[in-house]
Amino acid sequence: MIRIDADQGEGGGQALRIALALSAVRGVPVALEGIRARRKTPGLQAQHLTAVAALARICGAETSGAILGSQDLRFVPGPTRPGTYHFDIGTAGSIPLVLQAILLPLAVAGGPSEVTLTGGTHVPWSPPVDYVRDVLFPRLAQIGLRAVLEIGRWGFYPRGGGRVTLEVAGGAVLAPAALVRRSGVVDIRGVAAVAGLPRAVGERLRRRALERLAGVGYQADLEIREVEALDRGSFLFLAADHDGGRGGFSGLGSRGEDVDAVADAAVEGLREFARSEAACDPHLADQLVAPLALAAGTSRLTTSRVTSHLMTAIALAQQILGCPAQVRGDVGTPGSITIEGVGVRTENAGEADRGIQRERVRADGGGPPPVVRKARAADGPAIQQLLAHFASRGELLHRTLNEVYQ
């Protein structure tokens, strides 16, 4: 059993999520100690317990210490079981952070999975669901991990109540990546969203963002959306396309927060990224570490800012997988990352998502229904099963992951 100092690095729940995900993929038992020990509310909280319970169910793990406030956890995984799951985080616990724990095990499982999660979709101290769907998933598709995400309902702090559906093809064979340099930002799109607030708030949010972007020479296509949620909130998301992919930047408003500050937070993140020549924004860099550590081969990344989350992810990949990795650059500055992936073999590898063709639609999820071709006989039983599964859920296949950068 591998003993892990869960208080290392930034000291939050990230160490728990990455450690359990890698444990489940490799079938290696882990013992985490000092979980969130330095936080105001130390130990496991609701969203962390949901992640533990979700992974335990998915891979039939035995656990001890999985109780509210516990700082120590033992996790002994079994084989990962693809299938249909539902997990309720409760209140506004972060859905994207739970997704971070379960995605990799399901991606390398021997068949497709569908997961419904309820909780917070747009909450503090967490990437929004938009970032996962529009930035992370397209990049993961390029290295062989196919997943589709749909927002059924938004969930703001404090009550949450959001709903997200995730579909994962399974059978992923992960490839290394070279994300080193890029040209300038060529296109900026996004959404200014409000829940329980006048449309005028969304208009002001959009106007402020456009003014700030114009001040540094950028134009953008920003849509105003009025969304349903249990709590009031405002949100701005900017997706910045460049020749090597996409960066994502956001601002989130509580009920009493100044709308201009929400816009400024997203714009400042984009400006920091645009000033560098790095291929990955800070959040993308740390979220790519675990999948690239499981790829067979050497990956090289550059990021506009090294973060403590990145350093924690690297340390855990080295400890659990034994993969050599190096970060050049100090926390808070631009940097580069080299990862020697160990590779992972999966059941039905390469068959799970062949032949699925999705029609590209707008970032807001609108547009025509997806196109799914018939499976060829040579595709085998795995693709037949997947196509039947996805055909029954065709309304969810609203994004073209492998063509998103056209």
Protein backbone atom coordinates (compact mmCIF):
# COMPACT_ATOMS: atom_id res chain seq x y z
CA MET A 1 0.00 0.00 0.00
CA ILE A 2 1.34 3.43 -0.98
CA ARG A 3 1.26 6.02 1.81
CA ILE A 4 0.53 9.53 0.59
CA ASP A 5 0.95 12.85 2.35
CA ALA A 6 -2.36 14.44 1.32
CA ASP A 7 -1.31 17.76 2.86
CA GLN A 8 1.50 18.30 0.37
CA GLY A 9 1.56 21.19 -2.08
CA GLU A 10 -1.60 23.27 -2.01
CA GLY A 11 -3.01 21.01 0.68
CA GLY A 12 -6.56 20.79 -0.64
CA GLY A 13 -8.77 18.09 -2.09
CA GLN A 14 -6.79 17.80 -5.31
CA ALA A 15 -4.33 15.36 -3.77
CA LEU A 16 -7.25 13.13 -2.76
CA ARG A 17 -8.86 13.18 -6.21
CA ILE A 18 -5.71 12.50 -8.21
CA ALA A 19 -4.44 9.84 -5.81
CA LEU A 20 -7.72 7.92 -5.88
CA ALA A 21 -8.05 8.21 -9.67
CA LEU A 22 -4.56 6.83 -10.26
CA SER A 23 -5.11 4.17 -7.59
CA ALA A 24 -8.27 3.00 -9.37
CA VAL A 25 -6.64 2.95 -12.81
CA ARG A 26 -3.58 1.00 -11.70
CA GLY A 27 -5.28 -1.14 -9.05
CA VAL A 28 -2.85 0.03 -6.37
CA PRO A 29 -4.07 0.48 -2.76
CA VAL A 30 -3.32 3.86 -1.19
CA ALA A 31 -3.43 5.34 2.30
CA LEU A 32 -3.87 9.11 2.44
CA GLU A 33 -2.85 10.98 5.57
CA GLY A 34 -3.44 14.61 6.56
CA ILE A 35 -6.29 15.28 4.12
CA ARG A 36 -6.91 19.05 4.00
CA ALA A 37 -5.14 19.36 7.35
CA ARG A 38 -4.38 23.07 6.97
CA ARG A 39 -7.83 24.14 5.84
CA LYS A 40 -10.31 26.07 7.98
CA THR A 41 -12.58 23.00 7.87
CA PRO A 42 -10.02 20.18 7.74
CA GLY A 43 -10.65 16.66 6.55
CA LEU A 44 -13.14 15.21 4.11
CA GLN A 45 -16.14 17.39 3.25
CA ALA A 46 -19.30 16.53 1.30
CA GLN A 47 -17.87 16.79 -2.22
CA HIS A 48 -14.77 14.80 -1.21
CA LEU A 49 -16.91 12.05 0.30
CA THR A 50 -18.96 11.94 -2.90
CA ALA A 51 -15.78 11.49 -4.93
CA VAL A 52 -14.64 8.68 -2.61
CA ALA A 53 -18.05 6.97 -2.71
CA ALA A 54 -18.31 7.36 -6.48
CA LEU A 55 -14.92 5.81 -7.13
CA ALA A 56 -15.53 3.07 -4.58
CA ARG A 57 -18.73 2.12 -6.38
CA ILE A 58 -17.17 2.32 -9.83
CA CYS A 59 -14.23 0.09 -8.97
CA GLY A 60 -15.65 -1.93 -6.07
CA ALA A 61 -13.12 -0.49 -3.65
CA GLU A 62 -12.85 -1.19 0.06
CA THR A 63 -12.47 2.00 2.11
CA SER A 64 -11.89 3.00 5.71
CA GLY A 65 -11.99 6.51 7.12
CA ALA A 66 -14.57 7.79 4.61
CA ILE A 67 -16.49 9.94 7.10
CA LEU A 68 -17.07 13.67 7.40
CA GLY A 69 -14.02 15.46 8.81
CA SER A 70 -11.68 12.48 8.51
CA GLN A 71 -8.09 13.36 7.62
CA ASP A 72 -7.03 9.77 6.89
CA LEU A 73 -8.38 7.39 4.26
CA ARG A 74 -7.48 3.91 3.05
CA PHE A 75 -8.61 2.94 -0.46
CA VAL A 76 -8.22 -0.57 -1.89
CA PRO A 77 -9.57 -0.63 -5.47
CA GLY A 78 -10.99 -3.53 -7.45
CA PRO A 79 -11.66 -3.76 -11.21
CA THR A 80 -13.35 -0.71 -12.74
CA ARG A 81 -16.91 -1.42 -13.88
CA PRO A 82 -18.33 0.69 -16.72
CA GLY A 83 -22.04 1.37 -16.53
CA THR A 84 -24.73 3.87 -15.60
CA TYR A 85 -24.30 5.82 -12.38
CA HIS A 86 -25.87 8.69 -10.45
CA PHE A 87 -24.10 10.64 -7.72
CA ASP A 88 -25.60 13.45 -5.64
CA ILE A 89 -23.00 15.72 -4.04
CA GLY A 90 -25.57 17.74 -2.11
CA THR A 91 -25.79 21.53 -1.80
CA ALA A 92 -23.17 23.32 -3.93
CA GLY A 93 -20.33 20.80 -3.79
CA SER A 94 -18.36 21.03 -7.02
CA ILE A 95 -19.42 18.70 -9.83
CA PRO A 96 -16.25 19.39 -11.89
CA LEU A 97 -14.04 18.34 -8.98
CA VAL A 98 -15.88 15.03 -8.58
CA LEU A 99 -15.56 14.54 -12.34
CA GLN A 100 -11.81 14.94 -11.93
CA ALA A 101 -11.77 11.84 -9.73
CA ILE A 102 -13.96 9.50 -11.80
CA LEU A 103 -13.08 10.44 -15.38
CA LEU A 104 -9.80 8.56 -15.87
CA PRO A 105 -10.96 5.23 -14.39
CA LEU A 106 -14.08 5.28 -16.58
CA ALA A 107 -12.07 6.33 -19.63
CA VAL A 108 -9.85 3.26 -19.50
CA ALA A 109 -12.66 0.88 -18.54
CA GLY A 110 -13.74 -1.81 -20.97
CA GLY A 111 -16.98 -0.17 -22.12
CA PRO A 112 -19.05 3.01 -22.22
CA SER A 113 -20.42 4.73 -19.13
CA GLU A 114 -23.04 7.35 -18.39
CA VAL A 115 -22.91 9.35 -15.15
CA THR A 116 -25.40 11.89 -13.82
CA LEU A 117 -24.18 14.21 -11.07
CA THR A 118 -26.09 16.80 -9.06
CA GLY A 119 -24.51 19.62 -7.08
CA GLY A 120 -22.68 22.82 -7.97
CA THR A 121 -21.81 23.60 -11.59
CA HIS A 122 -20.52 27.15 -11.04
CA VAL A 123 -19.06 27.54 -7.56
CA PRO A 124 -16.01 29.22 -5.97
CA TRP A 125 -12.62 27.47 -5.85
CA SER A 126 -13.48 25.16 -8.72
CA PRO A 127 -13.31 25.25 -12.52
CA PRO A 128 -16.79 25.77 -14.00
CA VAL A 129 -18.46 23.02 -15.99
CA ASP A 130 -17.99 25.19 -19.11
CA TYR A 131 -14.23 24.86 -18.73
CA VAL A 132 -14.38 21.08 -18.48
CA ARG A 133 -16.67 20.81 -21.50
CA ASP A 134 -15.13 23.44 -23.78
CA VAL A 135 -11.42 23.40 -22.90
CA LEU A 136 -10.39 20.21 -21.10
CA PHE A 137 -12.48 17.65 -22.99
CA PRO A 138 -11.43 18.80 -26.50
CA ARG A 139 -7.79 18.54 -25.46
CA LEU A 140 -8.33 15.11 -23.90
CA ALA A 141 -10.00 13.99 -27.14
CA GLN A 142 -6.77 14.78 -28.96
CA ILE A 143 -4.84 12.34 -26.76
CA GLY A 144 -7.45 9.58 -27.02
CA LEU A 145 -9.92 10.17 -24.17
CA ARG A 146 -13.45 10.64 -25.52
CA ALA A 147 -16.11 12.15 -23.26
CA VAL A 148 -19.22 14.29 -23.69
CA LEU A 149 -20.70 16.59 -21.08
CA GLU A 150 -24.08 18.31 -20.94
CA ILE A 151 -25.36 20.84 -18.41
CA GLY A 152 -28.96 20.03 -17.57
CA ARG A 153 -29.32 22.70 -14.90
CA TRP A 154 -26.99 25.29 -13.41
CA GLY A 155 -26.07 25.21 -9.73
CA PHE A 156 -24.65 28.22 -7.86
CA TYR A 157 -23.56 28.59 -4.24
CA PRO A 158 -24.97 27.96 -1.64
CA ARG A 159 -27.74 25.50 -2.58
CA GLY A 160 -26.35 24.04 -5.78
CA GLY A 161 -29.01 21.88 -7.38
CA GLY A 162 -27.18 21.74 -10.71
CA ARG A 163 -27.31 18.66 -12.90
CA VAL A 164 -24.70 17.39 -15.34
CA THR A 165 -24.63 14.28 -17.53
CA LEU A 166 -21.30 12.75 -18.52
CA GLU A 167 -20.81 10.11 -21.20
CA VAL A 168 -17.44 8.38 -21.47
CA ALA A 169 -16.59 6.06 -24.35
CA GLY A 170 -14.21 3.82 -22.41
CA GLY A 171 -11.37 1.77 -23.86
CA ALA A 172 -9.09 4.80 -24.15
CA VAL A 173 -5.51 4.38 -25.36
CA LEU A 174 -3.84 7.57 -24.19
CA ALA A 175 -1.20 9.18 -26.40
CA PRO A 176 1.52 11.61 -25.35
CA ALA A 177 1.26 15.27 -26.31
CA ALA A 178 3.60 18.05 -27.41
CA LEU A 179 2.01 21.33 -26.34
CA VAL A 180 4.97 23.64 -26.35
CA ARG A 181 4.40 26.77 -28.42
CA ARG A 182 1.49 28.61 -29.94
CA SER A 183 0.77 31.71 -31.99
CA GLY A 184 -1.37 34.56 -30.73
CA VAL A 185 -5.02 34.26 -29.76
CA VAL A 186 -7.12 34.19 -32.94
CA ASP A 187 -10.70 34.00 -31.68
CA ILE A 188 -12.51 34.74 -28.42
CA ARG A 189 -16.02 33.51 -27.68
CA GLY A 190 -17.99 33.14 -24.52
CA VAL A 191 -21.08 33.66 -22.44
CA ALA A 192 -22.27 36.20 -19.88
CA ALA A 193 -24.84 34.36 -17.77
CA VAL A 194 -27.19 35.44 -15.00
CA ALA A 195 -29.53 33.45 -12.77
CA GLY A 196 -32.30 35.14 -10.80
CA LEU A 197 -30.99 38.57 -11.81
CA PRO A 198 -32.25 41.11 -14.38
CA ARG A 199 -31.02 40.69 -17.93
CA ALA A 200 -29.50 44.15 -17.55
CA VAL A 201 -26.90 42.59 -15.23
CA GLY A 202 -25.85 40.22 -18.00
CA GLU A 203 -25.73 43.08 -20.47
CA ARG A 204 -23.50 45.06 -18.15
CA LEU A 205 -21.27 42.03 -17.65
CA ARG A 206 -20.94 41.57 -21.41
CA ARG A 207 -20.31 45.27 -22.01
CA ARG A 208 -17.58 45.45 -19.38
CA ALA A 209 -15.81 42.40 -20.78
CA LEU A 210 -15.92 43.73 -24.35
CA GLU A 211 -14.58 47.11 -23.24
CA ARG A 212 -11.71 45.55 -21.31
CA LEU A 213 -10.83 43.25 -24.21
CA ALA A 214 -10.99 46.08 -26.74
CA GLY A 215 -8.57 48.02 -24.57
CA VAL A 216 -5.89 45.42 -25.26
CA GLY A 217 -6.77 44.91 -28.92
CA TYR A 218 -9.19 41.97 -28.81
CA GLN A 219 -12.70 41.51 -30.11
CA ALA A 220 -15.03 38.81 -28.84
CA ASP A 221 -18.37 37.19 -29.55
CA LEU A 222 -20.18 37.06 -26.19
CA GLU A 223 -23.70 35.76 -25.72
CA ILE A 224 -26.00 36.80 -22.88
CA ARG A 225 -27.82 33.89 -21.25
CA GLU A 226 -30.50 33.87 -18.59
CA VAL A 227 -30.38 30.50 -16.85
CA GLU A 228 -32.48 28.77 -14.21
CA ALA A 229 -30.89 27.97 -10.87
CA LEU A 230 -31.88 27.70 -7.22
CA ASP A 231 -29.68 30.68 -6.29
CA ARG A 232 -28.87 33.99 -7.87
CA GLY A 233 -25.52 34.37 -9.59
CA SER A 234 -23.56 35.91 -12.44
CA PHE A 235 -20.88 34.24 -14.54
CA LEU A 236 -18.58 35.11 -17.42
CA PHE A 237 -16.67 32.54 -19.45
CA LEU A 238 -14.15 33.36 -22.19
CA ALA A 239 -12.79 30.67 -24.53
CA ALA A 240 -9.67 31.86 -26.36
CA ASP A 241 -8.74 29.82 -29.43
CA HIS A 242 -5.18 29.71 -30.76
CA ASP A 243 -3.43 27.56 -33.35
CA GLY A 244 -2.61 24.90 -30.77
CA GLY A 245 -5.92 24.64 -28.95
CA ARG A 246 -7.90 26.69 -26.47
CA GLY A 247 -7.63 28.40 -23.11
CA GLY A 248 -10.51 29.11 -20.77
CA PHE A 249 -11.01 31.96 -18.30
CA SER A 250 -13.91 32.80 -16.02
CA GLY A 251 -15.31 35.08 -13.37
CA LEU A 252 -18.04 34.19 -10.88
CA GLY A 253 -20.33 36.52 -8.98
CA SER A 254 -22.16 35.95 -5.73
CA ARG A 255 -25.36 37.79 -4.93
CA GLY A 256 -23.59 40.89 -3.63
CA GLU A 257 -20.49 40.96 -5.80
CA ASP A 258 -19.71 43.80 -8.18
CA VAL A 259 -20.44 42.76 -11.76
CA ASP A 260 -17.38 44.58 -13.08
CA ALA A 261 -15.15 42.45 -10.86
CA VAL A 262 -16.61 39.29 -12.43
CA ALA A 263 -15.74 40.51 -15.92
CA ASP A 264 -12.32 41.74 -14.85
CA ALA A 265 -11.38 38.36 -13.35
CA ALA A 266 -12.00 36.55 -16.64
CA VAL A 267 -10.33 39.21 -18.78
CA GLU A 268 -7.23 39.37 -16.58
CA GLY A 269 -6.81 35.61 -16.82
CA LEU A 270 -7.02 35.78 -20.60
CA ARG A 271 -4.55 38.68 -20.75
CA GLU A 272 -2.00 36.78 -18.65
CA PHE A 273 -2.27 33.82 -21.01
CA ALA A 274 -2.09 35.99 -24.15
CA ARG A 275 1.11 37.70 -22.99
CA SER A 276 2.93 34.37 -22.85
CA GLU A 277 3.78 31.94 -25.63
CA ALA A 278 2.64 28.99 -23.55
CA ALA A 279 0.29 26.40 -25.02
CA CYS A 280 -1.64 25.65 -21.80
CA ASP A 281 -3.44 27.92 -19.39
CA PRO A 282 -2.67 27.24 -15.70
CA HIS A 283 -5.74 25.05 -15.10
CA LEU A 284 -5.25 22.93 -18.22
CA ALA A 285 -1.63 22.21 -17.34
CA ASP A 286 -2.41 20.67 -13.96
CA GLN A 287 -5.42 18.72 -15.26
CA LEU A 288 -3.39 17.11 -18.06
CA VAL A 289 -0.72 15.69 -15.75
CA ALA A 290 -2.56 12.52 -14.70
CA PRO A 291 -3.77 11.45 -18.18
CA LEU A 292 -0.36 12.18 -19.73
CA ALA A 293 1.34 10.21 -16.97
CA LEU A 294 -0.79 7.25 -18.11
CA ALA A 295 0.08 7.76 -21.79
CA ALA A 296 2.83 5.68 -23.38
CA GLY A 297 5.62 8.11 -24.20
CA THR A 298 7.07 11.52 -23.47
CA SER A 299 4.85 14.60 -23.21
CA ARG A 300 6.03 18.20 -23.15
CA LEU A 301 3.90 21.15 -22.09
CA THR A 302 4.32 24.84 -21.48
CA THR A 303 2.06 26.85 -19.21
CA SER A 304 1.54 30.56 -18.68
CA ARG A 305 1.79 30.02 -14.92
CA VAL A 306 3.11 27.20 -12.77
CA THR A 307 0.73 26.55 -9.87
CA SER A 308 0.84 24.62 -6.63
CA HIS A 309 -1.88 22.38 -8.11
CA LEU A 310 0.50 21.50 -10.96
CA MET A 311 3.32 20.67 -8.56
CA THR A 312 1.00 18.47 -6.48
CA ALA A 313 -0.20 16.58 -9.57
CA ILE A 314 3.39 15.96 -10.69
CA ALA A 315 4.43 14.73 -7.24
CA LEU A 316 1.52 12.27 -7.05
CA ALA A 317 2.13 10.92 -10.56
CA GLN A 318 5.75 10.29 -9.63
CA GLN A 319 4.88 8.60 -6.34
CA ILE A 320 1.99 6.40 -7.49
CA LEU A 321 3.03 5.60 -11.06
CA GLY A 322 6.79 5.96 -10.80
CA CYS A 323 6.87 8.11 -13.93
CA PRO A 324 9.78 10.54 -14.35
CA ALA A 325 8.60 14.14 -14.58
CA GLN A 326 10.17 17.57 -14.39
CA VAL A 327 8.88 21.12 -14.02
CA ARG A 328 11.01 24.08 -15.04
CA GLY A 329 9.81 27.34 -13.54
CA ASP A 330 8.76 28.60 -10.15
CA VAL A 331 5.21 28.75 -8.83
CA GLY A 332 3.60 31.94 -10.13
CA THR A 333 5.78 32.18 -13.25
CA PRO A 334 5.62 30.66 -16.77
CA GLY A 335 7.08 27.19 -16.99
CA SER A 336 7.53 23.94 -18.89
CA ILE A 337 6.72 20.36 -17.97
CA THR A 338 8.14 17.06 -19.19
CA ILE A 339 6.35 13.80 -18.32
CA GLU A 340 7.54 10.28 -19.17
CA GLY A 341 4.22 8.43 -19.31
CA VAL A 342 4.11 4.82 -18.13
CA GLY A 343 1.28 3.70 -20.43
CA VAL A 344 -1.82 1.79 -19.41
CA ARG A 345 -3.48 -1.17 -21.12
CA THR A 346 -7.26 -1.21 -21.33
CA GLU A 347 -9.87 -3.77 -22.23
CA ASN A 348 -11.26 -3.28 -25.76
CA ALA A 349 -8.70 -0.51 -26.26
CA GLY A 350 -9.27 1.44 -29.42
CA GLU A 351 -12.68 -0.04 -30.15
CA ALA A 352 -14.93 1.88 -27.81
CA ASP A 353 -15.36 5.09 -29.76
CA ARG A 354 -14.42 4.28 -33.37
CA GLY A 355 -16.96 5.36 -35.90
CA ILE A 356 -18.75 7.93 -33.79
CA GLN A 357 -19.16 11.13 -35.79
CA ARG A 358 -20.54 14.17 -34.02
CA GLU A 359 -21.67 17.30 -35.78
CA ARG A 360 -20.05 20.45 -34.45
CA VAL A 361 -22.44 22.95 -32.89
CA ARG A 362 -22.16 26.24 -31.07
CA ALA A 363 -20.55 26.46 -27.65
CA ASP A 364 -23.93 27.10 -26.02
CA GLY A 365 -25.06 23.60 -26.86
CA GLY A 366 -27.60 24.60 -29.49
CA GLY A 367 -27.74 23.44 -33.08
CA PRO A 368 -28.78 20.36 -34.99
CA PRO A 369 -28.79 16.84 -33.58
CA PRO A 370 -25.65 14.73 -33.84
CA VAL A 371 -24.83 12.46 -36.73
CA VAL A 372 -23.98 8.87 -35.82
CA ARG A 373 -22.86 6.56 -38.62
CA LYS A 374 -23.64 2.88 -38.74
CA ALA A 375 -21.00 0.58 -37.34
CA ARG A 376 -19.10 -1.61 -39.74
CA ALA A 377 -19.00 -5.32 -39.09
CA ALA A 378 -15.27 -5.08 -38.50
CA ASP A 379 -15.82 -2.68 -35.66
CA GLY A 380 -16.73 -5.57 -33.43
CA PRO A 381 -19.21 -6.01 -30.60
CA ALA A 382 -17.80 -3.19 -28.44
CA ILE A 383 -18.60 -0.49 -31.00
CA GLN A 384 -22.00 -2.00 -31.65
CA GLN A 385 -22.78 -1.74 -27.95
CA LEU A 386 -21.50 1.82 -27.75
CA LEU A 387 -23.43 3.03 -30.78
CA ALA A 388 -26.65 1.52 -29.46
CA HIS A 389 -26.03 3.21 -26.11
CA PHE A 390 -25.23 6.60 -27.63
CA ALA A 391 -28.05 6.42 -30.18
CA SER A 392 -30.52 6.14 -27.32
CA ARG A 393 -28.98 9.23 -25.77
CA GLY A 394 -28.43 11.12 -29.01
CA GLU A 395 -29.60 14.41 -27.55
CA LEU A 396 -26.48 14.49 -25.39
CA LEU A 397 -24.01 14.19 -28.26
CA HIS A 398 -24.07 17.88 -28.95
CA ARG A 399 -20.37 18.55 -29.29
CA THR A 400 -17.77 17.51 -31.84
CA LEU A 401 -14.71 16.87 -29.76
CA ASN A 402 -12.38 15.69 -32.47
CA GLU A 403 -13.21 18.63 -34.76
CA VAL A 404 -13.62 21.41 -32.22
CA TYR A 405 -10.59 23.34 -33.46
CA GLN A 406 -11.58 23.44 -37.13
